[in-house]
Amino acid sequence: MHWSGNTFSDNEEYGFDPHDFSDDFVVENNVAPHNGKHGFIFSRGCVRNVLRHNTAFGNAGHGFMIDDGRSVASATAEARIDPSNDNLVTANTAYDNAGSGVEIEGGTGNVVSDNHLSRNDIGVRLKDRATATVTGNLIDDSVRYGVHVLDPASRVSITGNQISGSWAAANLADASSATLGENPSTDVSTPLVVADVAQRDPSWIERAAQFLRWNPVLVLWGLILGVPVLVGLSRAARAPFHLHRRRARTT
């Protein structure tokens, strides 16, 4: 199916929601504002869909969402997961959404590229073992993070994004959950959080303390060799002063 030039506005739940097993859609040049949940969503077994040049703003959930439609076990059915794979979310705009600008929950091969994501709670969030690529996005003024990888088992490539104005540029559940390329960041409290620990550039005092801690032998030899040198330099510096005083007394 091809959806173009529509407005999905002020719905109780979703703006645009084809849902289960919807494949090979092209969704472009649509607008989804002020919906009760997400602006655009593909959920449960949706593959090879393209969302491009759409705008989602002011939604109570996420701007754009791709997920695996997971269900919980009940008395009559087992839990079920049907991943949504190989979808492309590109060149869209999402702003002022209460959730993420783009949310990827599970699946493999999904690509989030060249979007402008502004003033959302999180720019791009990935969870539920998602394997995806996040590249070339402009992400500004997020409430919390530019990119958030929530699951340690995820494998996400994050590169070429420009991130500004959030608390952290990227927040990773674990160092192995993402591969980071160059992602220029400005006006952020910390460029990176890993396993809830902020990774800030150390000050020169912290670097000196680390050097002293991990190189005690070098420090000891520095003291052994350096003290005589300092004493000699100190004596050499005082010598002209003493010579001047002796000459003054003789005259």
C-alpha atoms as a PDB file:
ATOM      1  CA  MET A   1       0.000   0.000   0.000  1.00  0.00           C
ATOM      2  CA  HIS A   2       1.050   3.606  -0.595  1.00  0.00           C
ATOM      3  CA  TRP A   3      -0.060   6.310   1.847  1.00  0.00           C
ATOM      4  CA  SER A   4       0.749   9.895   0.912  1.00  0.00           C
ATOM      5  CA  GLY A   5      -0.448  13.382   1.806  1.00  0.00           C
ATOM      6  CA  ASN A   6      -2.746  12.434   4.684  1.00  0.00           C
ATOM      7  CA  THR A   7      -3.322  14.006   8.103  1.00  0.00           C
ATOM      8  CA  PHE A   8      -3.953  11.670  11.064  1.00  0.00           C
ATOM      9  CA  SER A   9      -4.896  14.042  13.857  1.00  0.00           C
ATOM     10  CA  ASP A  10      -6.403  14.038  17.369  1.00  0.00           C
ATOM     11  CA  ASN A  11      -7.280  10.358  17.526  1.00  0.00           C
ATOM     12  CA  GLU A  12      -7.894   8.660  20.852  1.00  0.00           C
ATOM     13  CA  GLU A  13      -5.050   6.220  20.236  1.00  0.00           C
ATOM     14  CA  TYR A  14      -2.808   6.022  17.143  1.00  0.00           C
ATOM     15  CA  GLY A  15      -2.525   8.324  14.176  1.00  0.00           C
ATOM     16  CA  PHE A  16      -1.491   5.753  11.525  1.00  0.00           C
ATOM     17  CA  ASP A  17      -1.545   2.061  12.529  1.00  0.00           C
ATOM     18  CA  PRO A  18      -1.685  -0.725   9.892  1.00  0.00           C
ATOM     19  CA  HIS A  19      -0.440  -3.152  12.585  1.00  0.00           C
ATOM     20  CA  ASP A  20      -0.090  -6.944  12.168  1.00  0.00           C
ATOM     21  CA  PHE A  21       1.894  -8.373   9.226  1.00  0.00           C
ATOM     22  CA  SER A  22       1.766  -5.241   7.083  1.00  0.00           C
ATOM     23  CA  ASP A  23       4.615  -5.480   4.570  1.00  0.00           C
ATOM     24  CA  ASP A  24       6.155  -3.347   1.826  1.00  0.00           C
ATOM     25  CA  PHE A  25       4.215  -0.143   2.587  1.00  0.00           C
ATOM     26  CA  VAL A  26       5.432   3.267   1.465  1.00  0.00           C
ATOM     27  CA  VAL A  27       4.254   5.949   3.906  1.00  0.00           C
ATOM     28  CA  GLU A  28       5.386   9.429   2.878  1.00  0.00           C
ATOM     29  CA  ASN A  29       4.495  13.100   3.214  1.00  0.00           C
ATOM     30  CA  ASN A  30       1.887  12.514   5.938  1.00  0.00           C
ATOM     31  CA  VAL A  31       1.303  14.398   9.198  1.00  0.00           C
ATOM     32  CA  ALA A  32       0.281  12.874  12.551  1.00  0.00           C
ATOM     33  CA  PRO A  33      -0.248  15.431  15.349  1.00  0.00           C
ATOM     34  CA  HIS A  34      -1.870  15.306  18.799  1.00  0.00           C
ATOM     35  CA  ASN A  35      -2.854  11.647  18.994  1.00  0.00           C
ATOM     36  CA  GLY A  36      -3.487   9.817  22.265  1.00  0.00           C
ATOM     37  CA  LYS A  37      -0.653   7.339  21.653  1.00  0.00           C
ATOM     38  CA  HIS A  38       1.872   7.209  18.797  1.00  0.00           C
ATOM     39  CA  GLY A  39       1.846   9.201  15.577  1.00  0.00           C
ATOM     40  CA  PHE A  40       2.925   6.324  13.277  1.00  0.00           C
ATOM     41  CA  ILE A  41       3.308   2.664  14.271  1.00  0.00           C
ATOM     42  CA  PHE A  42       4.134  -0.610  12.538  1.00  0.00           C
ATOM     43  CA  SER A  43       3.725  -3.450  15.010  1.00  0.00           C
ATOM     44  CA  ARG A  44       3.940  -7.252  15.000  1.00  0.00           C
ATOM     45  CA  GLY A  45       5.628  -8.913  12.056  1.00  0.00           C
ATOM     46  CA  CYS A  46       5.808  -5.850   9.768  1.00  0.00           C
ATOM     47  CA  VAL A  47       8.711  -6.005   7.299  1.00  0.00           C
ATOM     48  CA  ARG A  48      10.303  -3.914   4.558  1.00  0.00           C
ATOM     49  CA  ASN A  49       8.189  -0.815   5.146  1.00  0.00           C
ATOM     50  CA  VAL A  50       9.400   2.712   4.324  1.00  0.00           C
ATOM     51  CA  LEU A  51       8.422   5.811   6.313  1.00  0.00           C
ATOM     52  CA  ARG A  52       9.864   8.985   4.812  1.00  0.00           C
ATOM     53  CA  HIS A  53       9.173  12.719   4.790  1.00  0.00           C
ATOM     54  CA  ASN A  54       6.462  12.388   7.435  1.00  0.00           C
ATOM     55  CA  THR A  55       5.913  14.653  10.460  1.00  0.00           C
ATOM     56  CA  ALA A  56       4.732  13.577  13.917  1.00  0.00           C
ATOM     57  CA  PHE A  57       4.326  16.115  16.705  1.00  0.00           C
ATOM     58  CA  GLY A  58       2.532  16.658  19.978  1.00  0.00           C
ATOM     59  CA  ASN A  59       1.638  12.974  20.446  1.00  0.00           C
ATOM     60  CA  ALA A  60       1.176  11.451  23.904  1.00  0.00           C
ATOM     61  CA  GLY A  61       3.383   8.498  22.914  1.00  0.00           C
ATOM     62  CA  HIS A  62       6.178   8.180  20.345  1.00  0.00           C
ATOM     63  CA  GLY A  63       6.411   9.989  17.048  1.00  0.00           C
ATOM     64  CA  PHE A  64       7.345   6.851  15.040  1.00  0.00           C
ATOM     65  CA  MET A  65       7.389   3.282  16.338  1.00  0.00           C
ATOM     66  CA  ILE A  66       8.511  -0.075  14.931  1.00  0.00           C
ATOM     67  CA  ASP A  67       8.017  -3.032  17.273  1.00  0.00           C
ATOM     68  CA  ASP A  68       7.506  -6.750  17.630  1.00  0.00           C
ATOM     69  CA  GLY A  69       3.967  -6.616  19.040  1.00  0.00           C
ATOM     70  CA  ARG A  70       4.925  -8.853  21.918  1.00  0.00           C
ATOM     71  CA  SER A  71       2.101 -10.214  24.023  1.00  0.00           C
ATOM     72  CA  VAL A  72       2.110 -11.669  27.518  1.00  0.00           C
ATOM     73  CA  ALA A  73       1.124 -15.207  28.426  1.00  0.00           C
ATOM     74  CA  SER A  74      -2.461 -15.816  29.487  1.00  0.00           C
ATOM     75  CA  ALA A  75      -4.585 -18.770  30.568  1.00  0.00           C
ATOM     76  CA  THR A  76      -5.439 -19.508  26.939  1.00  0.00           C
ATOM     77  CA  ALA A  77      -2.305 -18.530  25.023  1.00  0.00           C
ATOM     78  CA  GLU A  78       1.464 -18.432  25.242  1.00  0.00           C
ATOM     79  CA  ALA A  79       3.411 -15.197  24.978  1.00  0.00           C
ATOM     80  CA  ARG A  80       4.064 -14.340  21.338  1.00  0.00           C
ATOM     81  CA  ILE A  81       6.714 -12.219  19.651  1.00  0.00           C
ATOM     82  CA  ASP A  82       6.688 -11.456  15.926  1.00  0.00           C
ATOM     83  CA  PRO A  83       9.631  -9.173  15.105  1.00  0.00           C
ATOM     84  CA  SER A  84       9.283  -6.317  12.629  1.00  0.00           C
ATOM     85  CA  ASN A  85      12.415  -6.422  10.474  1.00  0.00           C
ATOM     86  CA  ASP A  86      14.149  -4.437   7.717  1.00  0.00           C
ATOM     87  CA  ASN A  87      12.057  -1.283   7.996  1.00  0.00           C
ATOM     88  CA  LEU A  88      13.388   2.148   7.010  1.00  0.00           C
ATOM     89  CA  VAL A  89      12.516   5.306   8.973  1.00  0.00           C
ATOM     90  CA  THR A  90      14.202   8.122   7.080  1.00  0.00           C
ATOM     91  CA  ALA A  91      14.007  11.878   6.505  1.00  0.00           C
ATOM     92  CA  ASN A  92      11.102  12.329   8.897  1.00  0.00           C
ATOM     93  CA  THR A  93      10.468  15.030  11.505  1.00  0.00           C
ATOM     94  CA  ALA A  94       9.309  14.342  15.060  1.00  0.00           C
ATOM     95  CA  TYR A  95       8.998  16.985  17.734  1.00  0.00           C
ATOM     96  CA  ASP A  96       7.270  17.687  21.042  1.00  0.00           C
ATOM     97  CA  ASN A  97       6.253  14.046  21.547  1.00  0.00           C
ATOM     98  CA  ALA A  98       5.941  12.773  25.120  1.00  0.00           C
ATOM     99  CA  GLY A  99       7.831   9.584  24.233  1.00  0.00           C
ATOM    100  CA  SER A 100      10.637   9.004  21.759  1.00  0.00           C
ATOM    101  CA  GLY A 101      10.966  10.659  18.398  1.00  0.00           C
ATOM    102  CA  VAL A 102      11.612   7.168  16.989  1.00  0.00           C
ATOM    103  CA  GLU A 103      11.119   3.965  19.008  1.00  0.00           C
ATOM    104  CA  ILE A 104      12.492   0.599  17.816  1.00  0.00           C
ATOM    105  CA  GLU A 105      11.382  -2.346  19.928  1.00  0.00           C
ATOM    106  CA  GLY A 106      12.934  -5.627  18.840  1.00  0.00           C
ATOM    107  CA  GLY A 107      13.540  -6.772  15.290  1.00  0.00           C
ATOM    108  CA  THR A 108      16.601  -6.835  13.059  1.00  0.00           C
ATOM    109  CA  GLY A 109      17.799  -4.749  10.141  1.00  0.00           C
ATOM    110  CA  ASN A 110      15.761  -1.648  10.972  1.00  0.00           C
ATOM    111  CA  VAL A 111      17.362   1.654   9.938  1.00  0.00           C
ATOM    112  CA  VAL A 112      16.737   5.094  11.458  1.00  0.00           C
ATOM    113  CA  SER A 113      18.450   7.674   9.249  1.00  0.00           C
ATOM    114  CA  ASP A 114      18.503  11.377   8.428  1.00  0.00           C
ATOM    115  CA  ASN A 115      15.571  12.323  10.652  1.00  0.00           C
ATOM    116  CA  HIS A 116      15.165  15.586  12.582  1.00  0.00           C
ATOM    117  CA  LEU A 117      14.084  14.738  16.132  1.00  0.00           C
ATOM    118  CA  SER A 118      13.511  17.718  18.383  1.00  0.00           C
ATOM    119  CA  ARG A 119      12.188  18.279  21.911  1.00  0.00           C
ATOM    120  CA  ASN A 120      11.081  14.691  22.478  1.00  0.00           C
ATOM    121  CA  ASP A 121      11.650  12.834  25.740  1.00  0.00           C
ATOM    122  CA  ILE A 122      14.294  10.728  23.936  1.00  0.00           C
ATOM    123  CA  GLY A 123      15.457  11.132  20.355  1.00  0.00           C
ATOM    124  CA  VAL A 124      15.795   7.437  19.391  1.00  0.00           C
ATOM    125  CA  ARG A 125      15.208   4.562  21.810  1.00  0.00           C
ATOM    126  CA  LEU A 126      15.903   0.878  21.121  1.00  0.00           C
ATOM    127  CA  LYS A 127      14.920  -2.076  23.313  1.00  0.00           C
ATOM    128  CA  ASP A 128      13.998  -5.784  23.359  1.00  0.00           C
ATOM    129  CA  ARG A 129      17.215  -7.095  21.754  1.00  0.00           C
ATOM    130  CA  ALA A 130      16.881  -4.741  18.791  1.00  0.00           C
ATOM    131  CA  THR A 131      19.515  -4.948  16.062  1.00  0.00           C
ATOM    132  CA  ALA A 132      19.454  -1.685  14.128  1.00  0.00           C
ATOM    133  CA  THR A 133      21.362   1.211  12.590  1.00  0.00           C
ATOM    134  CA  VAL A 134      20.964   4.818  13.780  1.00  0.00           C
ATOM    135  CA  THR A 135      22.788   7.163  11.442  1.00  0.00           C
ATOM    136  CA  GLY A 136      22.823  10.727  10.173  1.00  0.00           C
ATOM    137  CA  ASN A 137      20.074  12.026  12.436  1.00  0.00           C
ATOM    138  CA  LEU A 138      19.842  15.556  13.850  1.00  0.00           C
ATOM    139  CA  ILE A 139      18.678  15.181  17.458  1.00  0.00           C
ATOM    140  CA  ASP A 140      18.250  18.294  19.589  1.00  0.00           C
ATOM    141  CA  ASP A 141      16.779  19.342  22.925  1.00  0.00           C
ATOM    142  CA  SER A 142      15.694  15.887  24.089  1.00  0.00           C
ATOM    143  CA  VAL A 143      14.557  15.852  27.712  1.00  0.00           C
ATOM    144  CA  ARG A 144      16.824  12.912  28.606  1.00  0.00           C
ATOM    145  CA  TYR A 145      18.947  11.260  25.907  1.00  0.00           C
ATOM    146  CA  GLY A 146      19.711  11.649  22.249  1.00  0.00           C
ATOM    147  CA  VAL A 147      19.970   7.872  21.694  1.00  0.00           C
ATOM    148  CA  HIS A 148      19.054   5.282  24.326  1.00  0.00           C
ATOM    149  CA  VAL A 149      19.855   1.558  23.958  1.00  0.00           C
ATOM    150  CA  LEU A 150      17.831   0.006  26.750  1.00  0.00           C
ATOM    151  CA  ASP A 151      18.689  -3.708  26.384  1.00  0.00           C
ATOM    152  CA  PRO A 152      22.224  -5.081  26.988  1.00  0.00           C
ATOM    153  CA  ALA A 153      21.497  -7.749  24.370  1.00  0.00           C
ATOM    154  CA  SER A 154      20.838  -5.183  21.628  1.00  0.00           C
ATOM    155  CA  ARG A 155      23.371  -4.654  18.865  1.00  0.00           C
ATOM    156  CA  VAL A 156      23.062  -1.147  17.476  1.00  0.00           C
ATOM    157  CA  SER A 157      25.327   0.879  15.200  1.00  0.00           C
ATOM    158  CA  ILE A 158      25.223   4.572  16.158  1.00  0.00           C
ATOM    159  CA  THR A 159      27.189   6.856  13.864  1.00  0.00           C
ATOM    160  CA  GLY A 160      27.108  10.225  12.156  1.00  0.00           C
ATOM    161  CA  ASN A 161      24.395  11.700  14.379  1.00  0.00           C
ATOM    162  CA  GLN A 162      24.492  15.312  15.613  1.00  0.00           C
ATOM    163  CA  ILE A 163      23.159  15.511  19.161  1.00  0.00           C
ATOM    164  CA  SER A 164      22.670  18.637  21.254  1.00  0.00           C
ATOM    165  CA  GLY A 165      20.806  19.972  24.247  1.00  0.00           C
ATOM    166  CA  SER A 166      20.042  16.714  26.104  1.00  0.00           C
ATOM    167  CA  TRP A 167      21.294  15.393  29.427  1.00  0.00           C
ATOM    168  CA  ALA A 168      23.315  12.659  27.696  1.00  0.00           C
ATOM    169  CA  ALA A 169      24.077  12.268  24.016  1.00  0.00           C
ATOM    170  CA  ALA A 170      23.941   8.451  24.217  1.00  0.00           C
ATOM    171  CA  ASN A 171      22.922   6.068  26.991  1.00  0.00           C
ATOM    172  CA  LEU A 172      23.943   2.420  26.551  1.00  0.00           C
ATOM    173  CA  ALA A 173      22.759  -0.442  28.710  1.00  0.00           C
ATOM    174  CA  ASP A 174      26.170  -2.053  28.251  1.00  0.00           C
ATOM    175  CA  ALA A 175      29.349  -1.255  26.350  1.00  0.00           C
ATOM    176  CA  SER A 176      28.638  -4.178  24.000  1.00  0.00           C
ATOM    177  CA  SER A 177      25.063  -3.113  23.225  1.00  0.00           C
ATOM    178  CA  ALA A 178      26.167  -0.557  20.616  1.00  0.00           C
ATOM    179  CA  THR A 179      29.007   0.329  18.261  1.00  0.00           C
ATOM    180  CA  LEU A 180      29.732   4.051  18.343  1.00  0.00           C
ATOM    181  CA  GLY A 181      31.135   6.051  15.461  1.00  0.00           C
ATOM    182  CA  GLU A 182      31.588   9.802  15.347  1.00  0.00           C
ATOM    183  CA  ASN A 183      28.518  11.460  16.869  1.00  0.00           C
ATOM    184  CA  PRO A 184      29.290  15.159  17.470  1.00  0.00           C
ATOM    185  CA  SER A 185      27.585  16.445  20.608  1.00  0.00           C
ATOM    186  CA  THR A 186      27.205  19.949  22.037  1.00  0.00           C
ATOM    187  CA  ASP A 187      25.489  21.377  25.091  1.00  0.00           C
ATOM    188  CA  VAL A 188      25.084  18.002  26.817  1.00  0.00           C
ATOM    189  CA  SER A 189      25.877  17.179  30.430  1.00  0.00           C
ATOM    190  CA  THR A 190      27.781  14.084  29.353  1.00  0.00           C
ATOM    191  CA  PRO A 191      28.452  12.637  25.897  1.00  0.00           C
ATOM    192  CA  LEU A 192      28.019   9.051  27.022  1.00  0.00           C
ATOM    193  CA  VAL A 193      26.436   6.954  29.779  1.00  0.00           C
ATOM    194  CA  VAL A 194      27.285   3.238  30.011  1.00  0.00           C
ATOM    195  CA  ALA A 195      25.474   0.994  32.508  1.00  0.00           C
ATOM    196  CA  ASP A 196      24.183   4.082  34.367  1.00  0.00           C
ATOM    197  CA  VAL A 197      27.677   5.557  34.757  1.00  0.00           C
ATOM    198  CA  ALA A 198      28.437   8.890  33.072  1.00  0.00           C
ATOM    199  CA  GLN A 199      31.625   8.813  30.994  1.00  0.00           C
ATOM    200  CA  ARG A 200      33.019  12.337  31.326  1.00  0.00           C
ATOM    201  CA  ASP A 201      36.413  13.607  30.204  1.00  0.00           C
ATOM    202  CA  PRO A 202      38.697  13.646  33.280  1.00  0.00           C
ATOM    203  CA  SER A 203      40.251  16.888  34.508  1.00  0.00           C
ATOM    204  CA  TRP A 204      44.055  17.281  34.656  1.00  0.00           C
ATOM    205  CA  ILE A 205      43.884  16.655  38.411  1.00  0.00           C
ATOM    206  CA  GLU A 206      42.047  13.363  37.818  1.00  0.00           C
ATOM    207  CA  ARG A 207      44.569  12.387  35.125  1.00  0.00           C
ATOM    208  CA  ALA A 208      47.467  13.137  37.510  1.00  0.00           C
ATOM    209  CA  ALA A 209      45.826  11.094  40.258  1.00  0.00           C
ATOM    210  CA  GLN A 210      45.323   8.163  37.860  1.00  0.00           C
ATOM    211  CA  PHE A 211      48.983   8.378  36.771  1.00  0.00           C
ATOM    212  CA  LEU A 212      50.174   8.332  40.390  1.00  0.00           C
ATOM    213  CA  ARG A 213      47.909   5.415  41.187  1.00  0.00           C
ATOM    214  CA  TRP A 214      48.931   3.193  38.296  1.00  0.00           C
ATOM    215  CA  ASN A 215      52.649   4.117  38.069  1.00  0.00           C
ATOM    216  CA  PRO A 216      54.035   4.016  41.647  1.00  0.00           C
ATOM    217  CA  VAL A 217      57.473   2.746  40.572  1.00  0.00           C
ATOM    218  CA  LEU A 218      57.951   5.615  38.138  1.00  0.00           C
ATOM    219  CA  VAL A 219      56.855   8.057  40.807  1.00  0.00           C
ATOM    220  CA  LEU A 220      59.369   6.561  43.285  1.00  0.00           C
ATOM    221  CA  TRP A 221      62.240   6.778  40.798  1.00  0.00           C
ATOM    222  CA  GLY A 222      61.173  10.305  39.954  1.00  0.00           C
ATOM    223  CA  LEU A 223      61.529  11.251  43.604  1.00  0.00           C
ATOM    224  CA  ILE A 224      64.889   9.464  43.970  1.00  0.00           C
ATOM    225  CA  LEU A 225      66.375  11.109  40.910  1.00  0.00           C
ATOM    226  CA  GLY A 226      64.482  14.351  41.048  1.00  0.00           C
ATOM    227  CA  VAL A 227      65.212  15.439  44.618  1.00  0.00           C
ATOM    228  CA  PRO A 228      69.030  15.735  44.127  1.00  0.00           C
ATOM    229  CA  VAL A 229      68.462  17.620  40.904  1.00  0.00           C
ATOM    230  CA  LEU A 230      66.085  20.038  42.629  1.00  0.00           C
ATOM    231  CA  VAL A 231      68.572  20.521  45.475  1.00  0.00           C
ATOM    232  CA  GLY A 232      71.374  21.253  42.994  1.00  0.00           C
ATOM    233  CA  LEU A 233      69.214  23.702  41.074  1.00  0.00           C
ATOM    234  CA  SER A 234      68.220  25.399  44.303  1.00  0.00           C
ATOM    235  CA  ARG A 235      71.878  25.818  45.335  1.00  0.00           C
ATOM    236  CA  ALA A 236      72.817  27.082  41.898  1.00  0.00           C
ATOM    237  CA  ALA A 237      70.028  29.618  42.061  1.00  0.00           C
ATOM    238  CA  ARG A 238      71.182  30.882  45.501  1.00  0.00           C
ATOM    239  CA  ALA A 239      74.889  31.080  44.588  1.00  0.00           C
ATOM    240  CA  PRO A 240      74.797  34.553  42.949  1.00  0.00           C
ATOM    241  CA  PHE A 241      72.921  35.910  45.963  1.00  0.00           C
ATOM    242  CA  HIS A 242      75.524  34.632  48.454  1.00  0.00           C
ATOM    243  CA  LEU A 243      78.377  35.921  46.269  1.00  0.00           C
ATOM    244  CA  HIS A 244      76.728  39.347  46.198  1.00  0.00           C
ATOM    245  CA  ARG A 245      76.434  39.369  50.009  1.00  0.00           C
ATOM    246  CA  ARG A 246      80.112  38.442  50.473  1.00  0.00           C
ATOM    247  CA  ARG A 247      81.201  41.214  48.133  1.00  0.00           C
ATOM    248  CA  ALA A 248      78.971  43.674  49.968  1.00  0.00           C
ATOM    249  CA  ARG A 249      80.576  42.816  53.320  1.00  0.00           C
ATOM    250  CA  THR A 250      84.110  43.223  51.963  1.00  0.00           C
ATOM    251  CA  THR A 251      83.338  46.689  50.666  1.00  0.00           C
END
